[in-house]
Amino acid sequence: MEYILRRIPSNDEVLPMAPEETEKQVHYLLGRLVHAFARLDLCIGLQLKWLGPYRGVEVDKLLNPRQPFQNRLDALKPLVLDMYAYSDSIAHGLYREWFERVENTKAIRNNYAHGRWGGWTPVREGFEFAALSWDFNSETMTPSVRMTLQDFERSVVEVERLFGEYMALEKRFRMQGRPSKAWEDEHLQRNA
């Protein structure tokens, strides 16, 4: 089966799309989302692999593909933030904001990768998405969400940006990172 993907029109363009074409675009964007998230997970794992041993933190068990992404993220966050809390408040703030955005996009990825898609309609009307659930009680189940391809693409682009933004922060602040004063003092005394 050959997929010919069209540019996703902006919200003010009216380019009707057959339901099959809308479905192809959703699947294309979903693939981009999963790929971007896998790339982000690799980045976090590699950062954890060098920063953990550098700081004397055991991280090997977290670098197992069966370990959830959240465990790696939770381990990396304090290591990175601690490196800049003492030495560079701007870097510390930018990294903190980056970690918050990762938390938000993780929820998007989990919902979209495991949810149900359907209701394919022309691009203006979009499609329906429902988070994975087996609750069929109409009073308690989470309602489906109607979104456009543009809405979905914005979410995908946000995840794609995170990898590049982390690497840009790493490059910009690489030389300013320092462990906390307490950590430095402890290790200086130990090595004296």
N, C-alpha and C. Protein backbone atom coordinates (compact mmCIF):
# COMPACT_ATOMS: atom_id res chain seq x y z
N MET A 1 0.84 -1.18 0.00
CA MET A 1 0.00 0.00 0.00
C MET A 1 0.89 1.24 0.00
N GLU A 2 0.66 2.12 -0.89
CA GLU A 2 1.46 3.33 -0.99
C GLU A 2 0.72 4.50 -0.37
N TYR A 3 1.42 5.22 0.52
CA TYR A 3 0.83 6.40 1.14
C TYR A 3 1.41 7.64 0.49
N ILE A 4 0.57 8.47 0.02
CA ILE A 4 0.99 9.76 -0.50
C ILE A 4 0.44 10.79 0.47
N LEU A 5 1.32 11.40 1.23
CA LEU A 5 0.89 12.32 2.27
C LEU A 5 0.89 13.74 1.75
N ARG A 6 -0.20 14.42 2.02
CA ARG A 6 -0.32 15.81 1.62
C ARG A 6 0.05 16.71 2.79
N ARG A 7 0.45 17.90 2.45
CA ARG A 7 0.69 18.91 3.47
C ARG A 7 -0.61 19.13 4.24
N ILE A 8 -0.49 19.24 5.55
CA ILE A 8 -1.68 19.48 6.36
C ILE A 8 -2.02 20.95 6.23
N PRO A 9 -3.23 21.26 5.77
CA PRO A 9 -3.59 22.66 5.57
C PRO A 9 -3.73 23.40 6.89
N SER A 10 -3.52 24.71 6.83
CA SER A 10 -3.70 25.52 8.04
C SER A 10 -5.19 25.65 8.33
N ASN A 11 -5.52 26.16 9.53
CA ASN A 11 -6.92 26.26 9.94
C ASN A 11 -7.76 27.15 9.03
N ASP A 12 -7.15 28.14 8.37
CA ASP A 12 -7.95 29.02 7.54
C ASP A 12 -8.06 28.53 6.09
N GLU A 13 -7.43 27.40 5.76
CA GLU A 13 -7.58 26.82 4.44
C GLU A 13 -8.70 25.79 4.48
N VAL A 14 -9.43 25.69 3.41
CA VAL A 14 -10.48 24.69 3.33
C VAL A 14 -10.10 23.74 2.19
N LEU A 15 -9.50 22.63 2.56
CA LEU A 15 -9.15 21.59 1.59
C LEU A 15 -9.82 20.30 2.05
N PRO A 16 -11.00 20.01 1.53
CA PRO A 16 -11.66 18.80 1.98
C PRO A 16 -10.81 17.57 1.68
N MET A 17 -10.87 16.63 2.58
CA MET A 17 -10.09 15.42 2.47
C MET A 17 -11.02 14.24 2.65
N ALA A 18 -10.83 13.21 1.87
CA ALA A 18 -11.61 12.00 2.04
C ALA A 18 -11.30 11.40 3.41
N PRO A 19 -12.24 10.71 4.03
CA PRO A 19 -11.96 10.09 5.33
C PRO A 19 -10.72 9.21 5.32
N GLU A 20 -10.47 8.51 4.23
CA GLU A 20 -9.28 7.65 4.15
C GLU A 20 -8.01 8.48 4.20
N GLU A 21 -8.03 9.64 3.57
CA GLU A 21 -6.86 10.52 3.58
C GLU A 21 -6.64 11.10 4.97
N THR A 22 -7.70 11.46 5.65
CA THR A 22 -7.59 11.95 7.03
C THR A 22 -6.99 10.86 7.91
N GLU A 23 -7.46 9.65 7.74
CA GLU A 23 -6.93 8.53 8.52
C GLU A 23 -5.44 8.34 8.25
N LYS A 24 -5.01 8.43 7.01
CA LYS A 24 -3.59 8.30 6.67
C LYS A 24 -2.77 9.39 7.35
N GLN A 25 -3.28 10.62 7.33
CA GLN A 25 -2.56 11.73 7.96
C GLN A 25 -2.44 11.52 9.47
N VAL A 26 -3.52 11.04 10.10
CA VAL A 26 -3.48 10.78 11.54
C VAL A 26 -2.43 9.71 11.84
N HIS A 27 -2.41 8.66 11.04
CA HIS A 27 -1.43 7.59 11.28
C HIS A 27 -0.01 8.08 11.03
N TYR A 28 0.18 8.92 10.05
CA TYR A 28 1.49 9.51 9.79
C TYR A 28 1.94 10.34 11.00
N LEU A 29 1.05 11.18 11.51
CA LEU A 29 1.39 12.01 12.67
C LEU A 29 1.61 11.16 13.91
N LEU A 30 0.83 10.12 14.08
CA LEU A 30 1.01 9.22 15.22
C LEU A 30 2.38 8.54 15.14
N GLY A 31 2.81 8.15 13.95
CA GLY A 31 4.15 7.59 13.77
C GLY A 31 5.24 8.59 14.13
N ARG A 32 5.06 9.83 13.69
CA ARG A 32 6.03 10.87 14.05
C ARG A 32 6.09 11.06 15.56
N LEU A 33 4.94 11.03 16.21
CA LEU A 33 4.87 11.21 17.65
C LEU A 33 5.62 10.09 18.37
N VAL A 34 5.35 8.86 17.98
CA VAL A 34 6.02 7.72 18.63
C VAL A 34 7.52 7.77 18.38
N HIS A 35 7.93 8.11 17.16
CA HIS A 35 9.36 8.21 16.84
C HIS A 35 10.03 9.32 17.67
N ALA A 36 9.38 10.47 17.75
CA ALA A 36 9.96 11.59 18.51
C ALA A 36 10.08 11.23 19.98
N PHE A 37 9.11 10.52 20.50
CA PHE A 37 9.16 10.15 21.91
C PHE A 37 10.25 9.12 22.16
N ALA A 38 10.43 8.18 21.22
CA ALA A 38 11.51 7.20 21.36
C ALA A 38 12.87 7.89 21.33
N ARG A 39 13.01 8.88 20.48
CA ARG A 39 14.25 9.65 20.39
C ARG A 39 14.50 10.41 21.70
N LEU A 40 13.45 10.96 22.26
CA LEU A 40 13.55 11.67 23.53
C LEU A 40 13.96 10.71 24.65
N ASP A 41 13.38 9.52 24.66
CA ASP A 41 13.71 8.52 25.66
C ASP A 41 15.19 8.11 25.53
N LEU A 42 15.67 7.96 24.31
CA LEU A 42 17.08 7.64 24.10
C LEU A 42 17.97 8.76 24.65
N CYS A 43 17.62 9.99 24.37
CA CYS A 43 18.39 11.14 24.87
C CYS A 43 18.45 11.13 26.39
N ILE A 44 17.31 10.92 27.02
CA ILE A 44 17.25 10.92 28.49
C ILE A 44 18.09 9.76 29.03
N GLY A 45 18.01 8.60 28.40
CA GLY A 45 18.81 7.46 28.84
C GLY A 45 20.30 7.71 28.72
N LEU A 46 20.71 8.32 27.62
CA LEU A 46 22.14 8.60 27.43
C LEU A 46 22.65 9.64 28.42
N GLN A 47 21.83 10.65 28.69
CA GLN A 47 22.21 11.65 29.68
C GLN A 47 22.33 11.02 31.07
N LEU A 48 21.40 10.13 31.36
CA LEU A 48 21.41 9.43 32.64
C LEU A 48 22.64 8.52 32.75
N LYS A 49 23.01 7.90 31.64
CA LYS A 49 24.14 6.97 31.63
C LYS A 49 25.46 7.65 32.00
N TRP A 50 25.65 8.90 31.59
CA TRP A 50 26.91 9.56 31.96
C TRP A 50 26.77 10.34 33.27
N LEU A 51 25.63 10.97 33.50
CA LEU A 51 25.49 11.82 34.68
C LEU A 51 25.32 11.01 35.95
N GLY A 52 24.66 9.86 35.86
CA GLY A 52 24.49 9.01 37.05
C GLY A 52 25.83 8.58 37.64
N PRO A 53 26.69 7.90 36.86
CA PRO A 53 27.99 7.50 37.40
C PRO A 53 28.86 8.70 37.82
N TYR A 54 28.78 9.79 37.07
CA TYR A 54 29.54 10.99 37.43
C TYR A 54 29.17 11.47 38.83
N ARG A 55 27.88 11.37 39.15
CA ARG A 55 27.39 11.82 40.45
C ARG A 55 27.32 10.70 41.47
N GLY A 56 27.79 9.50 41.11
CA GLY A 56 27.79 8.38 42.04
C GLY A 56 26.41 7.78 42.28
N VAL A 57 25.52 7.91 41.30
CA VAL A 57 24.17 7.38 41.42
C VAL A 57 24.05 6.14 40.52
N GLU A 58 23.57 5.05 41.08
CA GLU A 58 23.38 3.81 40.33
C GLU A 58 22.19 3.98 39.38
N VAL A 59 22.45 3.84 38.08
CA VAL A 59 21.38 4.02 37.09
C VAL A 59 21.22 2.84 36.15
N ASP A 60 22.08 1.82 36.27
CA ASP A 60 22.05 0.72 35.32
C ASP A 60 20.68 0.06 35.20
N LYS A 61 20.00 -0.14 36.33
CA LYS A 61 18.70 -0.81 36.28
C LYS A 61 17.66 0.03 35.52
N LEU A 62 17.86 1.34 35.48
CA LEU A 62 16.93 2.21 34.77
C LEU A 62 17.15 2.19 33.26
N LEU A 63 18.30 1.71 32.83
CA LEU A 63 18.63 1.71 31.41
C LEU A 63 18.20 0.41 30.74
N ASN A 64 17.23 -0.22 31.29
CA ASN A 64 16.62 -1.43 30.74
C ASN A 64 15.37 -1.00 29.98
N PRO A 65 15.20 -1.44 28.73
CA PRO A 65 14.03 -1.02 27.96
C PRO A 65 12.69 -1.37 28.61
N ARG A 66 12.71 -2.32 29.51
CA ARG A 66 11.46 -2.69 30.19
C ARG A 66 11.08 -1.71 31.30
N GLN A 67 12.03 -0.88 31.69
CA GLN A 67 11.75 0.14 32.69
C GLN A 67 10.94 1.27 32.05
N PRO A 68 9.95 1.77 32.74
CA PRO A 68 9.16 2.88 32.17
C PRO A 68 9.99 4.14 31.97
N PHE A 69 9.63 4.88 30.96
CA PHE A 69 10.24 6.17 30.66
C PHE A 69 10.24 7.06 31.91
N GLN A 70 9.12 7.05 32.63
CA GLN A 70 8.96 7.92 33.80
C GLN A 70 10.07 7.68 34.82
N ASN A 71 10.50 6.44 35.00
CA ASN A 71 11.57 6.15 35.96
C ASN A 71 12.88 6.82 35.55
N ARG A 72 13.19 6.78 34.25
CA ARG A 72 14.42 7.44 33.78
C ARG A 72 14.31 8.95 33.95
N LEU A 73 13.16 9.48 33.60
CA LEU A 73 12.95 10.92 33.72
C LEU A 73 13.06 11.36 35.18
N ASP A 74 12.44 10.60 36.08
CA ASP A 74 12.48 10.93 37.51
C ASP A 74 13.90 10.87 38.06
N ALA A 75 14.73 9.98 37.54
CA ALA A 75 16.12 9.88 38.00
C ALA A 75 16.98 11.00 37.43
N LEU A 76 16.74 11.36 36.18
CA LEU A 76 17.57 12.38 35.53
C LEU A 76 17.28 13.78 36.05
N LYS A 77 16.04 14.08 36.30
CA LYS A 77 15.64 15.44 36.67
C LYS A 77 16.44 15.99 37.86
N PRO A 78 16.50 15.30 39.01
CA PRO A 78 17.27 15.89 40.12
C PRO A 78 18.76 15.97 39.83
N LEU A 79 19.29 15.04 39.03
CA LEU A 79 20.71 15.10 38.70
C LEU A 79 21.03 16.35 37.89
N VAL A 80 20.20 16.63 36.90
CA VAL A 80 20.43 17.81 36.05
C VAL A 80 20.17 19.09 36.84
N LEU A 81 19.05 19.15 37.53
CA LEU A 81 18.72 20.38 38.26
C LEU A 81 19.75 20.68 39.34
N ASP A 82 20.26 19.65 39.98
CA ASP A 82 21.27 19.86 41.01
C ASP A 82 22.58 20.40 40.42
N MET A 83 22.86 20.03 39.18
CA MET A 83 24.10 20.51 38.54
C MET A 83 24.09 22.02 38.34
N TYR A 84 22.90 22.61 38.24
CA TYR A 84 22.81 24.04 37.94
C TYR A 84 22.22 24.86 39.08
N ALA A 85 21.68 24.22 40.10
CA ALA A 85 21.07 24.95 41.22
C ALA A 85 22.09 25.83 41.92
N TYR A 86 23.30 25.36 42.01
CA TYR A 86 24.36 26.06 42.73
C TYR A 86 25.14 27.02 41.83
N SER A 87 25.25 26.68 40.55
CA SER A 87 26.17 27.42 39.69
C SER A 87 25.51 28.38 38.71
N ASP A 88 24.26 28.12 38.29
CA ASP A 88 23.69 28.95 37.23
C ASP A 88 22.17 28.94 37.33
N SER A 89 21.61 30.01 37.86
CA SER A 89 20.16 30.05 38.08
C SER A 89 19.38 30.11 36.76
N ILE A 90 19.93 30.71 35.72
CA ILE A 90 19.25 30.77 34.43
C ILE A 90 19.15 29.37 33.85
N ALA A 91 20.25 28.64 33.85
CA ALA A 91 20.24 27.27 33.34
C ALA A 91 19.28 26.41 34.17
N HIS A 92 19.34 26.56 35.48
CA HIS A 92 18.46 25.78 36.35
C HIS A 92 17.00 26.02 35.98
N GLY A 93 16.62 27.27 35.78
CA GLY A 93 15.24 27.61 35.43
C GLY A 93 14.83 27.05 34.07
N LEU A 94 15.72 27.15 33.09
CA LEU A 94 15.40 26.64 31.75
C LEU A 94 15.28 25.11 31.75
N TYR A 95 16.15 24.45 32.46
CA TYR A 95 16.04 22.98 32.56
C TYR A 95 14.76 22.60 33.31
N ARG A 96 14.41 23.31 34.36
CA ARG A 96 13.20 23.00 35.11
C ARG A 96 11.97 23.13 34.20
N GLU A 97 11.92 24.20 33.41
CA GLU A 97 10.81 24.38 32.47
C GLU A 97 10.77 23.25 31.44
N TRP A 98 11.96 22.84 30.97
CA TRP A 98 12.02 21.76 30.00
C TRP A 98 11.46 20.47 30.60
N PHE A 99 11.84 20.14 31.82
CA PHE A 99 11.32 18.93 32.46
C PHE A 99 9.80 19.00 32.64
N GLU A 100 9.27 20.16 32.95
CA GLU A 100 7.81 20.31 33.08
C GLU A 100 7.13 20.04 31.75
N ARG A 101 7.70 20.53 30.66
CA ARG A 101 7.11 20.29 29.33
C ARG A 101 7.19 18.82 28.96
N VAL A 102 8.26 18.15 29.35
CA VAL A 102 8.35 16.70 29.08
C VAL A 102 7.22 15.97 29.80
N GLU A 103 6.97 16.34 31.03
CA GLU A 103 5.88 15.72 31.80
C GLU A 103 4.56 15.89 31.06
N ASN A 104 4.30 17.07 30.54
CA ASN A 104 3.05 17.31 29.81
C ASN A 104 2.97 16.50 28.53
N THR A 105 4.05 16.43 27.78
CA THR A 105 4.01 15.70 26.52
C THR A 105 3.98 14.20 26.74
N LYS A 106 4.51 13.73 27.86
CA LYS A 106 4.44 12.30 28.16
C LYS A 106 2.99 11.86 28.25
N ALA A 107 2.17 12.67 28.88
CA ALA A 107 0.75 12.34 29.00
C ALA A 107 0.10 12.33 27.61
N ILE A 108 0.48 13.27 26.76
CA ILE A 108 -0.07 13.31 25.40
C ILE A 108 0.30 12.03 24.66
N ARG A 109 1.56 11.67 24.70
CA ARG A 109 2.02 10.48 23.99
C ARG A 109 1.30 9.23 24.50
N ASN A 110 1.21 9.07 25.82
CA ASN A 110 0.54 7.89 26.37
C ASN A 110 -0.91 7.82 25.94
N ASN A 111 -1.61 8.93 26.02
CA ASN A 111 -3.01 8.94 25.60
C ASN A 111 -3.15 8.62 24.11
N TYR A 112 -2.36 9.30 23.28
CA TYR A 112 -2.50 9.11 21.84
C TYR A 112 -2.05 7.73 21.38
N ALA A 113 -0.99 7.21 21.94
CA ALA A 113 -0.49 5.91 21.50
C ALA A 113 -1.42 4.77 21.91
N HIS A 114 -2.12 4.94 23.02
CA HIS A 114 -2.96 3.85 23.52
C HIS A 114 -4.45 4.11 23.33
N GLY A 115 -4.81 5.26 22.81
CA GLY A 115 -6.22 5.61 22.69
C GLY A 115 -6.86 5.05 21.44
N ARG A 116 -8.11 5.44 21.25
CA ARG A 116 -8.89 5.00 20.08
C ARG A 116 -9.11 6.20 19.17
N TRP A 117 -8.99 5.94 17.89
CA TRP A 117 -9.13 6.99 16.88
C TRP A 117 -10.29 6.62 15.98
N GLY A 118 -10.96 7.62 15.46
CA GLY A 118 -12.05 7.33 14.53
C GLY A 118 -12.81 8.57 14.18
N GLY A 119 -14.00 8.36 13.58
CA GLY A 119 -14.84 9.48 13.18
C GLY A 119 -14.18 10.34 12.12
N TRP A 120 -13.51 9.68 11.16
CA TRP A 120 -12.78 10.43 10.13
C TRP A 120 -13.75 11.27 9.31
N THR A 121 -13.49 12.54 9.23
CA THR A 121 -14.32 13.46 8.46
C THR A 121 -13.40 14.41 7.71
N PRO A 122 -13.95 15.24 6.85
CA PRO A 122 -13.08 16.21 6.15
C PRO A 122 -12.25 17.01 7.15
N VAL A 123 -11.11 17.50 6.68
CA VAL A 123 -10.10 18.10 7.55
C VAL A 123 -10.64 19.22 8.43
N ARG A 124 -11.59 19.99 7.98
CA ARG A 124 -12.11 21.10 8.77
C ARG A 124 -12.76 20.59 10.06
N GLU A 125 -13.45 19.46 9.95
CA GLU A 125 -14.15 18.92 11.11
C GLU A 125 -13.25 18.03 11.95
N GLY A 126 -12.23 17.48 11.35
CA GLY A 126 -11.27 16.67 12.09
C GLY A 126 -11.71 15.25 12.33
N PHE A 127 -11.38 14.75 13.53
CA PHE A 127 -11.64 13.35 13.86
C PHE A 127 -11.83 13.27 15.36
N GLU A 128 -12.17 12.08 15.82
CA GLU A 128 -12.41 11.89 17.24
C GLU A 128 -11.32 11.03 17.85
N PHE A 129 -11.00 11.36 19.08
CA PHE A 129 -10.03 10.59 19.85
C PHE A 129 -10.62 10.33 21.22
N ALA A 130 -10.42 9.10 21.70
CA ALA A 130 -10.85 8.75 23.06
C ALA A 130 -9.71 8.02 23.75
N ALA A 131 -9.40 8.43 24.97
CA ALA A 131 -8.36 7.76 25.75
C ALA A 131 -8.77 6.31 25.99
N LEU A 132 -7.78 5.45 26.12
CA LEU A 132 -8.04 4.03 26.35
C LEU A 132 -8.82 3.85 27.65
N SER A 133 -9.94 3.16 27.55
CA SER A 133 -10.78 2.92 28.71
C SER A 133 -11.73 1.77 28.39
N TRP A 134 -12.09 1.04 29.43
CA TRP A 134 -13.08 -0.03 29.26
C TRP A 134 -14.34 0.32 30.03
N ASP A 135 -14.46 1.58 30.40
CA ASP A 135 -15.64 2.05 31.13
C ASP A 135 -16.72 2.38 30.11
N PHE A 136 -17.86 1.70 30.20
CA PHE A 136 -18.94 1.96 29.25
C PHE A 136 -20.13 2.65 29.93
N ASN A 137 -19.93 3.12 31.14
CA ASN A 137 -20.96 3.87 31.84
C ASN A 137 -20.88 5.31 31.33
N SER A 138 -21.93 5.75 30.68
CA SER A 138 -21.90 7.08 30.06
C SER A 138 -21.74 8.21 31.07
N GLU A 139 -22.04 7.96 32.33
CA GLU A 139 -21.91 9.01 33.34
C GLU A 139 -20.48 9.15 33.86
N THR A 140 -19.67 8.09 33.76
CA THR A 140 -18.31 8.14 34.32
C THR A 140 -17.21 8.05 33.26
N MET A 141 -17.53 7.61 32.07
CA MET A 141 -16.47 7.46 31.07
C MET A 141 -15.99 8.81 30.56
N THR A 142 -14.72 8.85 30.18
CA THR A 142 -14.13 10.06 29.64
C THR A 142 -14.67 10.25 28.23
N PRO A 143 -15.23 11.41 27.94
CA PRO A 143 -15.79 11.62 26.60
C PRO A 143 -14.68 11.72 25.55
N SER A 144 -15.05 11.38 24.32
CA SER A 144 -14.08 11.52 23.23
C SER A 144 -13.88 13.01 22.94
N VAL A 145 -12.76 13.30 22.30
CA VAL A 145 -12.38 14.67 21.98
C VAL A 145 -12.36 14.80 20.46
N ARG A 146 -12.91 15.87 19.97
CA ARG A 146 -12.85 16.14 18.53
C ARG A 146 -11.68 17.07 18.31
N MET A 147 -10.83 16.72 17.37
CA MET A 147 -9.68 17.59 17.08
C MET A 147 -9.44 17.63 15.58
N THR A 148 -8.69 18.62 15.18
CA THR A 148 -8.33 18.74 13.77
C THR A 148 -6.93 18.17 13.57
N LEU A 149 -6.58 17.95 12.34
CA LEU A 149 -5.21 17.51 12.05
C LEU A 149 -4.20 18.55 12.51
N GLN A 150 -4.55 19.83 12.42
CA GLN A 150 -3.64 20.88 12.85
C GLN A 150 -3.40 20.82 14.36
N ASP A 151 -4.45 20.54 15.11
CA ASP A 151 -4.31 20.40 16.57
C ASP A 151 -3.36 19.26 16.89
N PHE A 152 -3.57 18.14 16.23
CA PHE A 152 -2.74 16.97 16.48
C PHE A 152 -1.30 17.24 16.06
N GLU A 153 -1.11 17.89 14.92
CA GLU A 153 0.25 18.18 14.45
C GLU A 153 0.99 19.09 15.43
N ARG A 154 0.30 20.06 16.02
CA ARG A 154 0.94 20.94 17.01
C ARG A 154 1.46 20.11 18.19
N SER A 155 0.69 19.13 18.63
CA SER A 155 1.15 18.26 19.72
C SER A 155 2.37 17.46 19.31
N VAL A 156 2.38 16.96 18.10
CA VAL A 156 3.52 16.18 17.60
C VAL A 156 4.76 17.05 17.51
N VAL A 157 4.62 18.24 16.98
CA VAL A 157 5.76 19.15 16.84
C VAL A 157 6.34 19.49 18.21
N GLU A 158 5.49 19.64 19.21
CA GLU A 158 5.97 19.93 20.57
C GLU A 158 6.89 18.81 21.07
N VAL A 159 6.50 17.57 20.85
CA VAL A 159 7.34 16.44 21.28
C VAL A 159 8.63 16.41 20.46
N GLU A 160 8.53 16.67 19.17
CA GLU A 160 9.73 16.67 18.32
C GLU A 160 10.73 17.74 18.76
N ARG A 161 10.25 18.86 19.23
CA ARG A 161 11.13 19.97 19.65
C ARG A 161 11.92 19.64 20.91
N LEU A 162 11.35 18.83 21.78
CA LEU A 162 11.97 18.61 23.09
C LEU A 162 13.39 18.06 22.99
N PHE A 163 13.62 17.13 22.09
CA PHE A 163 14.96 16.56 21.92
C PHE A 163 15.96 17.66 21.56
N GLY A 164 15.64 18.44 20.53
CA GLY A 164 16.54 19.50 20.10
C GLY A 164 16.75 20.57 21.17
N GLU A 165 15.71 20.87 21.91
CA GLU A 165 15.84 21.88 22.96
C GLU A 165 16.74 21.40 24.09
N TYR A 166 16.64 20.12 24.43
CA TYR A 166 17.53 19.60 25.48
C TYR A 166 18.98 19.70 25.00
N MET A 167 19.22 19.28 23.77
CA MET A 167 20.59 19.31 23.26
C MET A 167 21.11 20.75 23.17
N ALA A 168 20.23 21.71 22.85
CA ALA A 168 20.64 23.11 22.81
C ALA A 168 20.99 23.61 24.23
N LEU A 169 20.20 23.21 25.22
CA LEU A 169 20.51 23.58 26.60
C LEU A 169 21.84 22.97 27.03
N GLU A 170 22.02 21.70 26.68
CA GLU A 170 23.26 21.00 27.03
C GLU A 170 24.47 21.72 26.43
N LYS A 171 24.36 22.09 25.17
CA LYS A 171 25.47 22.77 24.51
C LYS A 171 25.71 24.16 25.12
N ARG A 172 24.63 24.88 25.38
CA ARG A 172 24.75 26.25 25.90
C ARG A 172 25.33 26.29 27.31
N PHE A 173 24.93 25.35 28.17
CA PHE A 173 25.31 25.43 29.57
C PHE A 173 26.30 24.36 30.02
N ARG A 174 26.84 23.63 29.10
CA ARG A 174 27.74 22.51 29.42
C ARG A 174 28.83 22.90 30.41
N MET A 175 29.43 24.03 30.21
CA MET A 175 30.58 24.42 31.04
C MET A 175 30.17 25.04 32.39
N GLN A 176 28.91 25.43 32.55
CA GLN A 176 28.49 26.06 33.80
C GLN A 176 28.02 25.06 34.85
N GLY A 177 27.74 23.84 34.46
CA GLY A 177 27.21 22.86 35.39
C GLY A 177 28.21 22.48 36.47
N ARG A 178 27.75 22.50 37.70
CA ARG A 178 28.57 22.10 38.84
C ARG A 178 27.68 21.41 39.85
N PRO A 179 28.21 20.42 40.52
CA PRO A 179 27.43 19.82 41.61
C PRO A 179 27.19 20.83 42.71
N SER A 180 26.32 20.50 43.64
CA SER A 180 26.04 21.40 44.75
C SER A 180 27.29 21.59 45.60
N LYS A 181 27.31 22.67 46.34
CA LYS A 181 28.45 22.96 47.21
C LYS A 181 28.66 21.84 48.22
N ALA A 182 27.59 21.33 48.78
CA ALA A 182 27.70 20.23 49.76
C ALA A 182 28.35 19.00 49.12
N TRP A 183 27.96 18.69 47.89
CA TRP A 183 28.53 17.53 47.19
C TRP A 183 30.02 17.77 46.93
N GLU A 184 30.36 18.98 46.46
CA GLU A 184 31.77 19.30 46.21
C GLU A 184 32.59 19.21 47.49
N ASP A 185 32.09 19.80 48.57
CA ASP A 185 32.81 19.77 49.85
C ASP A 185 33.02 18.34 50.33
N GLU A 186 31.99 17.53 50.24
CA GLU A 186 32.09 16.13 50.67
C GLU A 186 33.16 15.38 49.87
N HIS A 187 33.16 15.58 48.55
CA HIS A 187 34.12 14.88 47.71
C HIS A 187 35.54 15.44 47.83
N LEU A 188 35.65 16.72 48.09
CA LEU A 188 36.98 17.30 48.32
C LEU A 188 37.57 16.75 49.61
N GLN A 189 36.77 16.65 50.66
CA GLN A 189 37.25 16.10 51.94
C GLN A 189 37.62 14.63 51.78
N ARG A 190 36.82 13.91 51.04
CA ARG A 190 37.05 12.48 50.83
C ARG A 190 38.37 12.24 50.07
N ASN A 191 38.65 13.14 49.11
CA ASN A 191 39.84 12.96 48.27
C ASN A 191 41.08 13.68 48.82
N ALA A 192 40.94 14.37 49.92
CA ALA A 192 42.09 15.12 50.47
C ALA A 192 43.03 14.20 51.24
